[in-house]
Amino acid sequence: MPKPSGLFQREPMSYYLFVGALFLTGVVFGSVMVNALTLEQKEEIARHLGGFFDLVTLGTGFDAKQSFFDALGMNLKWVVLIWLLGLSVIGMPLIFALDFLKGVLIGFTVGYLVGTYSWKGMLFALVSVAPQNLIAIPVILAASAGAMSFSILLVRNRFWQRGGSVYASFLHYSSGAMVLALLMIGVSLFEAMVSPVMMKWVTPFLQG
């Protein structure tokens, strides 16, 4: 019987380094994408951001309950999708693509804010992007490393161990995913309850 593998089962550090490198590559790529935007695209984004800043300043348009469920749905999708992809070997490349995409989203957002608003944009990014992602990103990378580990276990079991049971490993893998999903609930609560308040403090600097 193969040893239990999956989330929180001490995957090789190389797995975490690999998915972390993919994420960082995505961050760099996303920040470079900002420079490739046309003037019309930059103006369109600036117009949408201006409307968003107005809503934040006025404190209208934010329903904490709805914001929580929206954030929860988005955050849980990352963990659930990675967990599902980890159940099949062919899903591993898609897991890597998700890690890269997450990096692109973060890199583009921060890169645009800093490139457009200078230090004010950095300040806004620190209160609107950084806090929740300090938890969300490690959760996603841990989910990816666990999924990678479980997928590799499936390959070994199929081709080398000839049908040995992976039930115990599946239970460890799934229970780890549930713990990460619970962490994402906390992240979503922060996004819905705390982030809007912090953004309201900083937004006047960007409008000044």
N, C-alpha and C. Protein backbone atom coordinates (compact mmCIF):
# COMPACT_ATOMS: atom_id res chain seq x y z
N MET A 1 0.85 -1.20 0.00
CA MET A 1 0.00 0.00 0.00
C MET A 1 0.89 1.24 0.00
N PRO A 2 0.58 2.24 -0.87
CA PRO A 2 1.37 3.46 -0.88
C PRO A 2 1.15 4.25 0.38
N LYS A 3 2.17 4.97 0.76
CA LYS A 3 2.03 5.82 1.94
C LYS A 3 1.08 6.97 1.66
N PRO A 4 0.32 7.42 2.68
CA PRO A 4 -0.59 8.54 2.46
C PRO A 4 0.14 9.73 1.89
N SER A 5 -0.50 10.35 0.92
CA SER A 5 0.09 11.53 0.29
C SER A 5 -1.02 12.52 0.02
N GLY A 6 -0.66 13.77 -0.12
CA GLY A 6 -1.64 14.80 -0.38
C GLY A 6 -1.35 16.01 0.46
N LEU A 7 -2.33 16.87 0.61
CA LEU A 7 -2.15 18.10 1.36
C LEU A 7 -1.71 17.82 2.79
N PHE A 8 -0.73 18.60 3.27
CA PHE A 8 -0.23 18.51 4.64
C PHE A 8 0.47 17.19 4.92
N GLN A 9 0.91 16.47 3.87
CA GLN A 9 1.62 15.20 4.09
C GLN A 9 3.11 15.36 3.81
N ARG A 10 3.63 16.57 4.02
CA ARG A 10 5.06 16.84 3.84
C ARG A 10 5.53 16.53 2.43
N GLU A 11 4.87 17.15 1.46
CA GLU A 11 5.32 17.01 0.09
C GLU A 11 6.76 17.49 -0.02
N PRO A 12 7.50 16.94 -0.97
CA PRO A 12 8.87 17.43 -1.17
C PRO A 12 8.89 18.94 -1.37
N MET A 13 9.87 19.60 -0.80
CA MET A 13 9.98 21.05 -0.92
C MET A 13 10.04 21.47 -2.38
N SER A 14 10.54 20.57 -3.23
CA SER A 14 10.64 20.91 -4.66
C SER A 14 9.27 21.20 -5.26
N TYR A 15 8.21 20.56 -4.75
CA TYR A 15 6.87 20.81 -5.26
C TYR A 15 6.45 22.25 -4.96
N TYR A 16 6.70 22.67 -3.72
CA TYR A 16 6.35 24.04 -3.33
C TYR A 16 7.18 25.06 -4.09
N LEU A 17 8.47 24.74 -4.28
CA LEU A 17 9.33 25.65 -5.02
C LEU A 17 8.88 25.78 -6.47
N PHE A 18 8.42 24.66 -7.03
CA PHE A 18 8.01 24.68 -8.43
C PHE A 18 6.75 25.53 -8.63
N VAL A 19 5.72 25.28 -7.81
CA VAL A 19 4.48 26.05 -7.98
C VAL A 19 4.70 27.51 -7.57
N GLY A 20 5.58 27.74 -6.60
CA GLY A 20 5.91 29.11 -6.22
C GLY A 20 6.61 29.84 -7.34
N ALA A 21 7.50 29.14 -8.05
CA ALA A 21 8.19 29.76 -9.18
C ALA A 21 7.22 30.08 -10.30
N LEU A 22 6.24 29.21 -10.52
CA LEU A 22 5.22 29.48 -11.53
C LEU A 22 4.42 30.73 -11.17
N PHE A 23 4.06 30.84 -9.91
CA PHE A 23 3.31 32.01 -9.46
C PHE A 23 4.12 33.29 -9.65
N LEU A 24 5.38 33.27 -9.23
CA LEU A 24 6.23 34.46 -9.36
C LEU A 24 6.46 34.83 -10.82
N THR A 25 6.58 33.82 -11.67
CA THR A 25 6.71 34.09 -13.10
C THR A 25 5.46 34.79 -13.62
N GLY A 26 4.30 34.35 -13.13
CA GLY A 26 3.05 35.00 -13.51
C GLY A 26 2.98 36.44 -13.03
N VAL A 27 3.48 36.69 -11.82
CA VAL A 27 3.50 38.07 -11.30
C VAL A 27 4.33 38.98 -12.21
N VAL A 28 5.51 38.49 -12.59
CA VAL A 28 6.38 39.27 -13.48
C VAL A 28 5.69 39.50 -14.83
N PHE A 29 5.10 38.45 -15.37
CA PHE A 29 4.42 38.56 -16.65
C PHE A 29 3.27 39.55 -16.58
N GLY A 30 2.50 39.48 -15.49
CA GLY A 30 1.36 40.39 -15.33
C GLY A 30 1.80 41.84 -15.24
N SER A 31 2.88 42.10 -14.51
CA SER A 31 3.38 43.47 -14.38
C SER A 31 3.90 43.99 -15.72
N VAL A 32 4.50 43.10 -16.53
CA VAL A 32 4.99 43.52 -17.85
C VAL A 32 3.82 43.81 -18.79
N MET A 33 2.72 43.07 -18.62
CA MET A 33 1.55 43.29 -19.47
C MET A 33 1.02 44.71 -19.38
N VAL A 34 1.22 45.36 -18.22
CA VAL A 34 0.74 46.73 -18.04
C VAL A 34 1.37 47.64 -19.08
N ASN A 35 2.64 47.43 -19.38
CA ASN A 35 3.34 48.27 -20.36
C ASN A 35 2.85 48.04 -21.78
N ALA A 36 2.18 46.90 -22.01
CA ALA A 36 1.70 46.58 -23.35
C ALA A 36 0.31 47.13 -23.62
N LEU A 37 -0.32 47.73 -22.61
CA LEU A 37 -1.66 48.29 -22.79
C LEU A 37 -1.63 49.49 -23.73
N THR A 38 -2.64 49.58 -24.57
CA THR A 38 -2.76 50.76 -25.42
C THR A 38 -3.32 51.93 -24.60
N LEU A 39 -3.23 53.13 -25.16
CA LEU A 39 -3.75 54.31 -24.47
C LEU A 39 -5.25 54.16 -24.22
N GLU A 40 -5.96 53.63 -25.21
CA GLU A 40 -7.42 53.47 -25.04
C GLU A 40 -7.73 52.48 -23.92
N GLN A 41 -6.97 51.41 -23.84
CA GLN A 41 -7.19 50.42 -22.78
C GLN A 41 -6.91 51.01 -21.41
N LYS A 42 -5.83 51.80 -21.31
CA LYS A 42 -5.51 52.45 -20.03
C LYS A 42 -6.60 53.42 -19.62
N GLU A 43 -7.13 54.17 -20.59
CA GLU A 43 -8.20 55.13 -20.28
C GLU A 43 -9.46 54.41 -19.85
N GLU A 44 -9.75 53.27 -20.46
CA GLU A 44 -10.94 52.49 -20.10
C GLU A 44 -10.82 51.95 -18.67
N ILE A 45 -9.64 51.42 -18.35
CA ILE A 45 -9.42 50.92 -16.99
C ILE A 45 -9.48 52.05 -15.98
N ALA A 46 -8.89 53.20 -16.33
CA ALA A 46 -8.91 54.36 -15.43
C ALA A 46 -10.33 54.83 -15.18
N ARG A 47 -11.18 54.76 -16.21
CA ARG A 47 -12.57 55.18 -16.06
C ARG A 47 -13.31 54.25 -15.11
N HIS A 48 -13.10 52.96 -15.25
CA HIS A 48 -13.75 52.00 -14.35
C HIS A 48 -13.24 52.18 -12.91
N LEU A 49 -11.93 52.38 -12.77
CA LEU A 49 -11.37 52.58 -11.44
C LEU A 49 -11.89 53.86 -10.80
N GLY A 50 -12.05 54.90 -11.61
CA GLY A 50 -12.58 56.15 -11.08
C GLY A 50 -13.97 55.97 -10.51
N GLY A 51 -14.81 55.22 -11.22
CA GLY A 51 -16.15 54.94 -10.71
C GLY A 51 -16.11 54.11 -9.45
N PHE A 52 -15.17 53.16 -9.42
CA PHE A 52 -15.02 52.33 -8.22
C PHE A 52 -14.57 53.17 -7.03
N PHE A 53 -13.61 54.06 -7.24
CA PHE A 53 -13.12 54.92 -6.16
C PHE A 53 -14.24 55.81 -5.63
N ASP A 54 -15.10 56.28 -6.53
CA ASP A 54 -16.23 57.11 -6.09
C ASP A 54 -17.16 56.32 -5.18
N LEU A 55 -17.42 55.06 -5.55
CA LEU A 55 -18.29 54.22 -4.73
C LEU A 55 -17.67 53.96 -3.36
N VAL A 56 -16.35 53.73 -3.35
CA VAL A 56 -15.66 53.48 -2.08
C VAL A 56 -15.72 54.70 -1.19
N THR A 57 -15.48 55.87 -1.78
CA THR A 57 -15.49 57.12 -1.00
C THR A 57 -16.86 57.40 -0.41
N LEU A 58 -17.91 57.17 -1.21
CA LEU A 58 -19.27 57.43 -0.74
C LEU A 58 -19.77 56.34 0.20
N GLY A 59 -19.11 55.19 0.15
CA GLY A 59 -19.53 54.08 1.00
C GLY A 59 -20.80 53.43 0.54
N THR A 60 -21.14 53.63 -0.74
CA THR A 60 -22.37 53.04 -1.29
C THR A 60 -22.00 51.90 -2.24
N GLY A 61 -22.95 51.07 -2.51
CA GLY A 61 -22.74 49.98 -3.46
C GLY A 61 -22.05 48.76 -2.86
N PHE A 62 -21.82 48.78 -1.53
CA PHE A 62 -21.15 47.65 -0.89
C PHE A 62 -22.10 46.98 0.09
N ASP A 63 -22.53 45.81 -0.27
CA ASP A 63 -23.35 44.98 0.60
C ASP A 63 -22.42 43.93 1.19
N ALA A 64 -22.16 44.03 2.50
CA ALA A 64 -21.18 43.14 3.13
C ALA A 64 -21.54 41.68 2.93
N LYS A 65 -22.83 41.37 3.06
CA LYS A 65 -23.25 39.97 2.92
C LYS A 65 -23.02 39.47 1.51
N GLN A 66 -23.43 40.28 0.52
CA GLN A 66 -23.25 39.88 -0.87
C GLN A 66 -21.78 39.82 -1.24
N SER A 67 -21.01 40.78 -0.72
CA SER A 67 -19.57 40.80 -0.98
C SER A 67 -18.90 39.55 -0.43
N PHE A 68 -19.36 39.10 0.74
CA PHE A 68 -18.79 37.89 1.34
C PHE A 68 -19.06 36.68 0.46
N PHE A 69 -20.29 36.53 0.00
CA PHE A 69 -20.62 35.36 -0.82
C PHE A 69 -19.93 35.41 -2.18
N ASP A 70 -19.79 36.63 -2.72
CA ASP A 70 -19.06 36.76 -3.99
C ASP A 70 -17.59 36.36 -3.81
N ALA A 71 -16.97 36.88 -2.74
CA ALA A 71 -15.56 36.55 -2.48
C ALA A 71 -15.40 35.08 -2.15
N LEU A 72 -16.35 34.53 -1.38
CA LEU A 72 -16.28 33.12 -1.01
C LEU A 72 -16.37 32.23 -2.24
N GLY A 73 -17.31 32.56 -3.12
CA GLY A 73 -17.45 31.77 -4.34
C GLY A 73 -16.18 31.78 -5.18
N MET A 74 -15.57 32.96 -5.31
CA MET A 74 -14.35 33.07 -6.09
C MET A 74 -13.18 32.34 -5.44
N ASN A 75 -13.02 32.52 -4.13
CA ASN A 75 -11.89 31.90 -3.43
C ASN A 75 -12.01 30.38 -3.36
N LEU A 76 -13.22 29.90 -3.11
CA LEU A 76 -13.41 28.45 -3.03
C LEU A 76 -13.22 27.77 -4.39
N LYS A 77 -13.52 28.51 -5.45
CA LYS A 77 -13.34 27.92 -6.78
C LYS A 77 -11.89 27.50 -7.02
N TRP A 78 -10.95 28.32 -6.52
CA TRP A 78 -9.55 27.98 -6.71
C TRP A 78 -9.21 26.65 -6.03
N VAL A 79 -9.63 26.51 -4.78
CA VAL A 79 -9.30 25.30 -4.03
C VAL A 79 -10.02 24.07 -4.59
N VAL A 80 -11.31 24.22 -4.87
CA VAL A 80 -12.08 23.09 -5.38
C VAL A 80 -11.58 22.66 -6.75
N LEU A 81 -11.30 23.62 -7.62
CA LEU A 81 -10.85 23.27 -8.96
C LEU A 81 -9.49 22.58 -8.91
N ILE A 82 -8.58 23.09 -8.09
CA ILE A 82 -7.27 22.45 -7.96
C ILE A 82 -7.42 21.04 -7.38
N TRP A 83 -8.29 20.89 -6.38
CA TRP A 83 -8.53 19.56 -5.80
C TRP A 83 -9.05 18.59 -6.86
N LEU A 84 -10.00 19.03 -7.67
CA LEU A 84 -10.55 18.16 -8.71
C LEU A 84 -9.49 17.80 -9.75
N LEU A 85 -8.69 18.79 -10.15
CA LEU A 85 -7.66 18.53 -11.15
C LEU A 85 -6.60 17.56 -10.61
N GLY A 86 -6.37 17.60 -9.29
CA GLY A 86 -5.40 16.70 -8.68
C GLY A 86 -5.83 15.25 -8.68
N LEU A 87 -7.11 15.00 -8.95
CA LEU A 87 -7.61 13.62 -8.97
C LEU A 87 -7.26 12.90 -10.26
N SER A 88 -6.73 13.63 -11.23
CA SER A 88 -6.33 13.01 -12.49
C SER A 88 -4.98 13.54 -12.92
N VAL A 89 -4.19 12.69 -13.51
CA VAL A 89 -2.85 13.09 -13.93
C VAL A 89 -2.91 14.15 -15.01
N ILE A 90 -3.89 14.06 -15.91
CA ILE A 90 -3.96 15.01 -17.02
C ILE A 90 -4.33 16.41 -16.54
N GLY A 91 -4.79 16.52 -15.27
CA GLY A 91 -5.14 17.82 -14.74
C GLY A 91 -3.95 18.61 -14.23
N MET A 92 -2.79 17.97 -14.11
CA MET A 92 -1.64 18.64 -13.53
C MET A 92 -1.20 19.89 -14.31
N PRO A 93 -1.14 19.83 -15.65
CA PRO A 93 -0.78 21.05 -16.38
C PRO A 93 -1.76 22.21 -16.15
N LEU A 94 -3.03 21.87 -15.95
CA LEU A 94 -4.01 22.92 -15.69
C LEU A 94 -3.80 23.54 -14.31
N ILE A 95 -3.35 22.74 -13.35
CA ILE A 95 -3.01 23.28 -12.03
C ILE A 95 -1.88 24.28 -12.16
N PHE A 96 -0.87 23.94 -12.93
CA PHE A 96 0.25 24.85 -13.15
C PHE A 96 -0.23 26.13 -13.83
N ALA A 97 -1.17 25.99 -14.77
CA ALA A 97 -1.71 27.16 -15.47
C ALA A 97 -2.47 28.07 -14.50
N LEU A 98 -3.18 27.48 -13.55
CA LEU A 98 -3.91 28.28 -12.56
C LEU A 98 -2.95 29.05 -11.65
N ASP A 99 -1.86 28.41 -11.25
CA ASP A 99 -0.87 29.11 -10.42
C ASP A 99 -0.27 30.29 -11.18
N PHE A 100 0.04 30.06 -12.45
CA PHE A 100 0.58 31.13 -13.29
C PHE A 100 -0.45 32.25 -13.44
N LEU A 101 -1.72 31.88 -13.68
CA LEU A 101 -2.78 32.87 -13.87
C LEU A 101 -2.98 33.72 -12.62
N LYS A 102 -2.93 33.07 -11.45
CA LYS A 102 -3.07 33.83 -10.21
C LYS A 102 -1.96 34.87 -10.10
N GLY A 103 -0.75 34.49 -10.45
CA GLY A 103 0.35 35.43 -10.43
C GLY A 103 0.14 36.58 -11.41
N VAL A 104 -0.37 36.25 -12.61
CA VAL A 104 -0.63 37.29 -13.61
C VAL A 104 -1.64 38.31 -13.08
N LEU A 105 -2.70 37.82 -12.47
CA LEU A 105 -3.74 38.72 -11.94
C LEU A 105 -3.16 39.65 -10.88
N ILE A 106 -2.38 39.10 -9.97
CA ILE A 106 -1.78 39.92 -8.92
C ILE A 106 -0.78 40.91 -9.51
N GLY A 107 0.08 40.41 -10.40
CA GLY A 107 1.10 41.27 -10.99
C GLY A 107 0.50 42.40 -11.81
N PHE A 108 -0.54 42.09 -12.58
CA PHE A 108 -1.17 43.12 -13.41
C PHE A 108 -1.84 44.18 -12.55
N THR A 109 -2.57 43.73 -11.53
CA THR A 109 -3.29 44.67 -10.66
C THR A 109 -2.34 45.63 -9.96
N VAL A 110 -1.33 45.06 -9.31
CA VAL A 110 -0.37 45.90 -8.58
C VAL A 110 0.43 46.74 -9.55
N GLY A 111 0.84 46.15 -10.67
CA GLY A 111 1.62 46.89 -11.66
C GLY A 111 0.87 48.08 -12.22
N TYR A 112 -0.41 47.89 -12.49
CA TYR A 112 -1.20 49.01 -13.02
C TYR A 112 -1.38 50.11 -11.98
N LEU A 113 -1.69 49.71 -10.75
CA LEU A 113 -1.89 50.71 -9.70
C LEU A 113 -0.62 51.53 -9.46
N VAL A 114 0.51 50.85 -9.39
CA VAL A 114 1.77 51.55 -9.14
C VAL A 114 2.17 52.39 -10.35
N GLY A 115 2.00 51.83 -11.55
CA GLY A 115 2.37 52.55 -12.76
C GLY A 115 1.52 53.77 -13.00
N THR A 116 0.27 53.73 -12.57
CA THR A 116 -0.65 54.84 -12.82
C THR A 116 -0.66 55.86 -11.69
N TYR A 117 -0.60 55.38 -10.45
CA TYR A 117 -0.75 56.27 -9.30
C TYR A 117 0.50 56.39 -8.44
N SER A 118 1.59 55.79 -8.87
CA SER A 118 2.87 55.88 -8.16
C SER A 118 2.73 55.35 -6.74
N TRP A 119 3.27 56.07 -5.76
CA TRP A 119 3.26 55.58 -4.37
C TRP A 119 1.84 55.48 -3.82
N LYS A 120 0.94 56.31 -4.35
CA LYS A 120 -0.46 56.23 -3.90
C LYS A 120 -1.08 54.89 -4.35
N GLY A 121 -0.70 54.48 -5.55
CA GLY A 121 -1.18 53.19 -6.03
C GLY A 121 -0.61 52.04 -5.22
N MET A 122 0.65 52.16 -4.82
CA MET A 122 1.25 51.15 -3.96
C MET A 122 0.53 51.08 -2.62
N LEU A 123 0.20 52.24 -2.07
CA LEU A 123 -0.52 52.28 -0.80
C LEU A 123 -1.89 51.61 -0.93
N PHE A 124 -2.58 51.88 -2.04
CA PHE A 124 -3.88 51.27 -2.25
C PHE A 124 -3.75 49.76 -2.42
N ALA A 125 -2.71 49.32 -3.14
CA ALA A 125 -2.49 47.89 -3.32
C ALA A 125 -2.20 47.20 -1.99
N LEU A 126 -1.50 47.90 -1.10
CA LEU A 126 -1.16 47.31 0.20
C LEU A 126 -2.40 47.06 1.06
N VAL A 127 -3.44 47.85 0.87
CA VAL A 127 -4.64 47.66 1.70
C VAL A 127 -5.74 46.88 0.97
N SER A 128 -5.70 46.87 -0.37
CA SER A 128 -6.78 46.23 -1.11
C SER A 128 -6.40 44.86 -1.68
N VAL A 129 -5.12 44.66 -1.97
CA VAL A 129 -4.68 43.42 -2.61
C VAL A 129 -3.86 42.55 -1.66
N ALA A 130 -2.92 43.17 -0.96
CA ALA A 130 -1.94 42.40 -0.18
C ALA A 130 -2.53 41.64 1.00
N PRO A 131 -3.35 42.25 1.87
CA PRO A 131 -3.72 41.57 3.12
C PRO A 131 -4.33 40.19 2.94
N GLN A 132 -5.40 40.09 2.14
CA GLN A 132 -6.06 38.80 1.97
C GLN A 132 -5.20 37.81 1.20
N ASN A 133 -4.37 38.32 0.29
CA ASN A 133 -3.53 37.43 -0.50
C ASN A 133 -2.35 36.88 0.29
N LEU A 134 -2.04 37.48 1.42
CA LEU A 134 -1.02 36.91 2.29
C LEU A 134 -1.43 35.52 2.78
N ILE A 135 -2.74 35.28 2.82
CA ILE A 135 -3.26 33.96 3.19
C ILE A 135 -3.69 33.18 1.95
N ALA A 136 -4.37 33.87 1.03
CA ALA A 136 -4.94 33.18 -0.13
C ALA A 136 -3.86 32.55 -1.01
N ILE A 137 -2.76 33.26 -1.23
CA ILE A 137 -1.72 32.73 -2.11
C ILE A 137 -1.06 31.49 -1.52
N PRO A 138 -0.62 31.51 -0.24
CA PRO A 138 -0.09 30.26 0.32
C PRO A 138 -1.09 29.11 0.30
N VAL A 139 -2.38 29.42 0.48
CA VAL A 139 -3.40 28.38 0.42
C VAL A 139 -3.44 27.75 -0.97
N ILE A 140 -3.44 28.59 -2.00
CA ILE A 140 -3.49 28.10 -3.37
C ILE A 140 -2.24 27.29 -3.71
N LEU A 141 -1.08 27.78 -3.27
CA LEU A 141 0.16 27.06 -3.55
C LEU A 141 0.21 25.73 -2.79
N ALA A 142 -0.29 25.72 -1.55
CA ALA A 142 -0.35 24.46 -0.79
C ALA A 142 -1.30 23.47 -1.45
N ALA A 143 -2.45 23.98 -1.93
CA ALA A 143 -3.39 23.11 -2.64
C ALA A 143 -2.75 22.54 -3.90
N SER A 144 -1.98 23.38 -4.59
CA SER A 144 -1.34 22.93 -5.84
C SER A 144 -0.27 21.89 -5.56
N ALA A 145 0.54 22.11 -4.52
CA ALA A 145 1.57 21.14 -4.17
C ALA A 145 0.95 19.81 -3.75
N GLY A 146 -0.15 19.87 -2.99
CA GLY A 146 -0.84 18.65 -2.59
C GLY A 146 -1.43 17.91 -3.78
N ALA A 147 -2.03 18.67 -4.71
CA ALA A 147 -2.60 18.06 -5.90
C ALA A 147 -1.52 17.43 -6.77
N MET A 148 -0.39 18.11 -6.88
CA MET A 148 0.74 17.59 -7.64
C MET A 148 1.23 16.27 -7.02
N SER A 149 1.33 16.26 -5.69
CA SER A 149 1.78 15.07 -4.99
C SER A 149 0.82 13.90 -5.20
N PHE A 150 -0.48 14.18 -5.11
CA PHE A 150 -1.46 13.11 -5.26
C PHE A 150 -1.48 12.58 -6.69
N SER A 151 -1.34 13.48 -7.66
CA SER A 151 -1.32 13.05 -9.06
C SER A 151 -0.13 12.14 -9.34
N ILE A 152 1.02 12.51 -8.80
CA ILE A 152 2.22 11.69 -8.99
C ILE A 152 2.05 10.33 -8.31
N LEU A 153 1.38 10.33 -7.14
CA LEU A 153 1.09 9.07 -6.46
C LEU A 153 0.22 8.16 -7.34
N LEU A 154 -0.76 8.75 -8.02
CA LEU A 154 -1.62 7.96 -8.90
C LEU A 154 -0.82 7.33 -10.03
N VAL A 155 0.15 8.09 -10.57
CA VAL A 155 0.99 7.55 -11.64
C VAL A 155 1.82 6.38 -11.12
N ARG A 156 2.43 6.57 -9.97
CA ARG A 156 3.26 5.50 -9.39
C ARG A 156 2.42 4.27 -9.09
N ASN A 157 1.23 4.50 -8.57
CA ASN A 157 0.37 3.38 -8.21
C ASN A 157 -0.07 2.60 -9.45
N ARG A 158 -0.29 3.32 -10.53
CA ARG A 158 -0.79 2.67 -11.75
C ARG A 158 0.31 1.88 -12.48
N PHE A 159 1.50 2.46 -12.54
CA PHE A 159 2.53 1.86 -13.39
C PHE A 159 3.59 1.06 -12.64
N TRP A 160 3.76 1.34 -11.34
CA TRP A 160 4.82 0.65 -10.61
C TRP A 160 4.28 -0.26 -9.49
N GLN A 161 3.21 0.20 -8.84
CA GLN A 161 2.73 -0.59 -7.70
C GLN A 161 1.52 -1.45 -8.07
N ARG A 162 1.10 -1.35 -9.32
CA ARG A 162 0.11 -2.28 -9.87
C ARG A 162 -1.17 -2.39 -9.05
N GLY A 163 -1.87 -1.25 -8.95
CA GLY A 163 -3.21 -1.30 -8.39
C GLY A 163 -3.32 -1.27 -6.88
N GLY A 164 -2.27 -0.86 -6.18
CA GLY A 164 -2.37 -0.74 -4.74
C GLY A 164 -3.41 0.30 -4.34
N SER A 165 -3.95 0.17 -3.16
CA SER A 165 -5.00 1.07 -2.72
C SER A 165 -4.46 2.47 -2.47
N VAL A 166 -5.22 3.45 -2.92
CA VAL A 166 -4.86 4.85 -2.67
C VAL A 166 -5.94 5.51 -1.80
N TYR A 167 -6.79 4.71 -1.19
CA TYR A 167 -7.91 5.24 -0.43
C TYR A 167 -7.44 6.12 0.73
N ALA A 168 -6.45 5.64 1.49
CA ALA A 168 -5.95 6.43 2.62
C ALA A 168 -5.36 7.75 2.14
N SER A 169 -4.64 7.70 1.03
CA SER A 169 -4.05 8.92 0.49
C SER A 169 -5.14 9.89 0.02
N PHE A 170 -6.20 9.34 -0.57
CA PHE A 170 -7.31 10.19 -1.01
C PHE A 170 -7.97 10.88 0.17
N LEU A 171 -8.13 10.17 1.29
CA LEU A 171 -8.73 10.78 2.47
C LEU A 171 -7.86 11.91 3.01
N HIS A 172 -6.53 11.69 3.06
CA HIS A 172 -5.61 12.74 3.51
C HIS A 172 -5.67 13.94 2.57
N TYR A 173 -5.67 13.65 1.29
CA TYR A 173 -5.70 14.71 0.27
C TYR A 173 -6.98 15.54 0.38
N SER A 174 -8.12 14.87 0.53
CA SER A 174 -9.40 15.56 0.60
C SER A 174 -9.57 16.32 1.92
N SER A 175 -9.11 15.74 3.03
CA SER A 175 -9.23 16.43 4.31
C SER A 175 -8.35 17.68 4.32
N GLY A 176 -7.19 17.60 3.69
CA GLY A 176 -6.34 18.78 3.58
C GLY A 176 -7.00 19.87 2.78
N ALA A 177 -7.67 19.49 1.69
CA ALA A 177 -8.38 20.46 0.87
C ALA A 177 -9.50 21.14 1.65
N MET A 178 -10.16 20.38 2.53
CA MET A 178 -11.23 20.95 3.35
C MET A 178 -10.67 22.00 4.32
N VAL A 179 -9.50 21.72 4.89
CA VAL A 179 -8.87 22.69 5.80
C VAL A 179 -8.53 23.97 5.04
N LEU A 180 -7.99 23.83 3.83
CA LEU A 180 -7.66 24.99 3.02
C LEU A 180 -8.92 25.76 2.63
N ALA A 181 -10.01 25.06 2.38
CA ALA A 181 -11.27 25.72 2.07
C ALA A 181 -11.76 26.54 3.26
N LEU A 182 -11.57 26.01 4.46
CA LEU A 182 -11.95 26.77 5.67
C LEU A 182 -11.12 28.03 5.80
N LEU A 183 -9.85 27.96 5.45
CA LEU A 183 -9.01 29.16 5.48
C LEU A 183 -9.52 30.19 4.48
N MET A 184 -10.00 29.72 3.34
CA MET A 184 -10.53 30.63 2.35
C MET A 184 -11.81 31.32 2.83
N ILE A 185 -12.54 30.68 3.71
CA ILE A 185 -13.71 31.33 4.30
C ILE A 185 -13.27 32.53 5.11
N GLY A 186 -12.19 32.36 5.89
CA GLY A 186 -11.65 33.47 6.65
C GLY A 186 -11.16 34.59 5.76
N VAL A 187 -10.52 34.24 4.65
CA VAL A 187 -10.05 35.23 3.68
C VAL A 187 -11.24 36.01 3.13
N SER A 188 -12.31 35.31 2.82
CA SER A 188 -13.51 35.95 2.25
C SER A 188 -14.15 36.90 3.25
N LEU A 189 -14.17 36.51 4.51
CA LEU A 189 -14.71 37.40 5.55
C LEU A 189 -13.90 38.69 5.64
N PHE A 190 -12.59 38.55 5.56
CA PHE A 190 -11.72 39.73 5.60
C PHE A 190 -12.00 40.63 4.40
N GLU A 191 -12.12 40.04 3.22
CA GLU A 191 -12.39 40.83 2.02
C GLU A 191 -13.70 41.59 2.12
N ALA A 192 -14.70 40.97 2.72
CA ALA A 192 -16.03 41.58 2.78
C ALA A 192 -16.17 42.59 3.91
N MET A 193 -15.51 42.34 5.03
CA MET A 193 -15.71 43.17 6.23
C MET A 193 -14.62 44.21 6.47
N VAL A 194 -13.39 43.86 6.18
CA VAL A 194 -12.26 44.72 6.55
C VAL A 194 -11.72 45.50 5.36
N SER A 195 -11.55 44.84 4.23
CA SER A 195 -10.95 45.50 3.06
C SER A 195 -11.69 46.77 2.63
N PRO A 196 -13.04 46.79 2.59
CA PRO A 196 -13.73 48.02 2.19
C PRO A 196 -13.42 49.19 3.11
N VAL A 197 -13.29 48.92 4.40
CA VAL A 197 -12.97 49.99 5.36
C VAL A 197 -11.58 50.54 5.10
N MET A 198 -10.61 49.64 4.89
CA MET A 198 -9.24 50.05 4.64
C MET A 198 -9.13 50.83 3.32
N MET A 199 -9.86 50.38 2.31
CA MET A 199 -9.83 51.08 1.03
C MET A 199 -10.43 52.48 1.14
N LYS A 200 -11.45 52.61 1.99
CA LYS A 200 -12.07 53.92 2.17
C LYS A 200 -11.11 54.90 2.80
N TRP A 201 -10.22 54.42 3.65
CA TRP A 201 -9.22 55.30 4.26
C TRP A 201 -8.23 55.83 3.22
N VAL A 202 -7.88 54.99 2.26
CA VAL A 202 -6.80 55.31 1.32
C VAL A 202 -7.29 55.98 0.05
N THR A 203 -8.50 55.68 -0.38
CA THR A 203 -9.00 56.17 -1.66
C THR A 203 -8.89 57.69 -1.83
N PRO A 204 -9.17 58.51 -0.82
CA PRO A 204 -9.04 59.97 -1.01
C PRO A 204 -7.66 60.40 -1.50
N PHE A 205 -6.60 59.66 -1.17
CA PHE A 205 -5.27 60.00 -1.65
C PHE A 205 -5.19 59.88 -3.17
N LEU A 206 -5.87 58.86 -3.72
CA LEU A 206 -5.82 58.64 -5.15
C LEU A 206 -6.68 59.67 -5.90
N GLN A 207 -7.68 60.20 -5.24
CA GLN A 207 -8.56 61.16 -5.88
C GLN A 207 -8.09 62.61 -5.71
N GLY A 208 -7.08 62.77 -4.82
CA GLY A 208 -6.59 64.10 -4.54
C GLY A 208 -5.75 64.68 -5.68
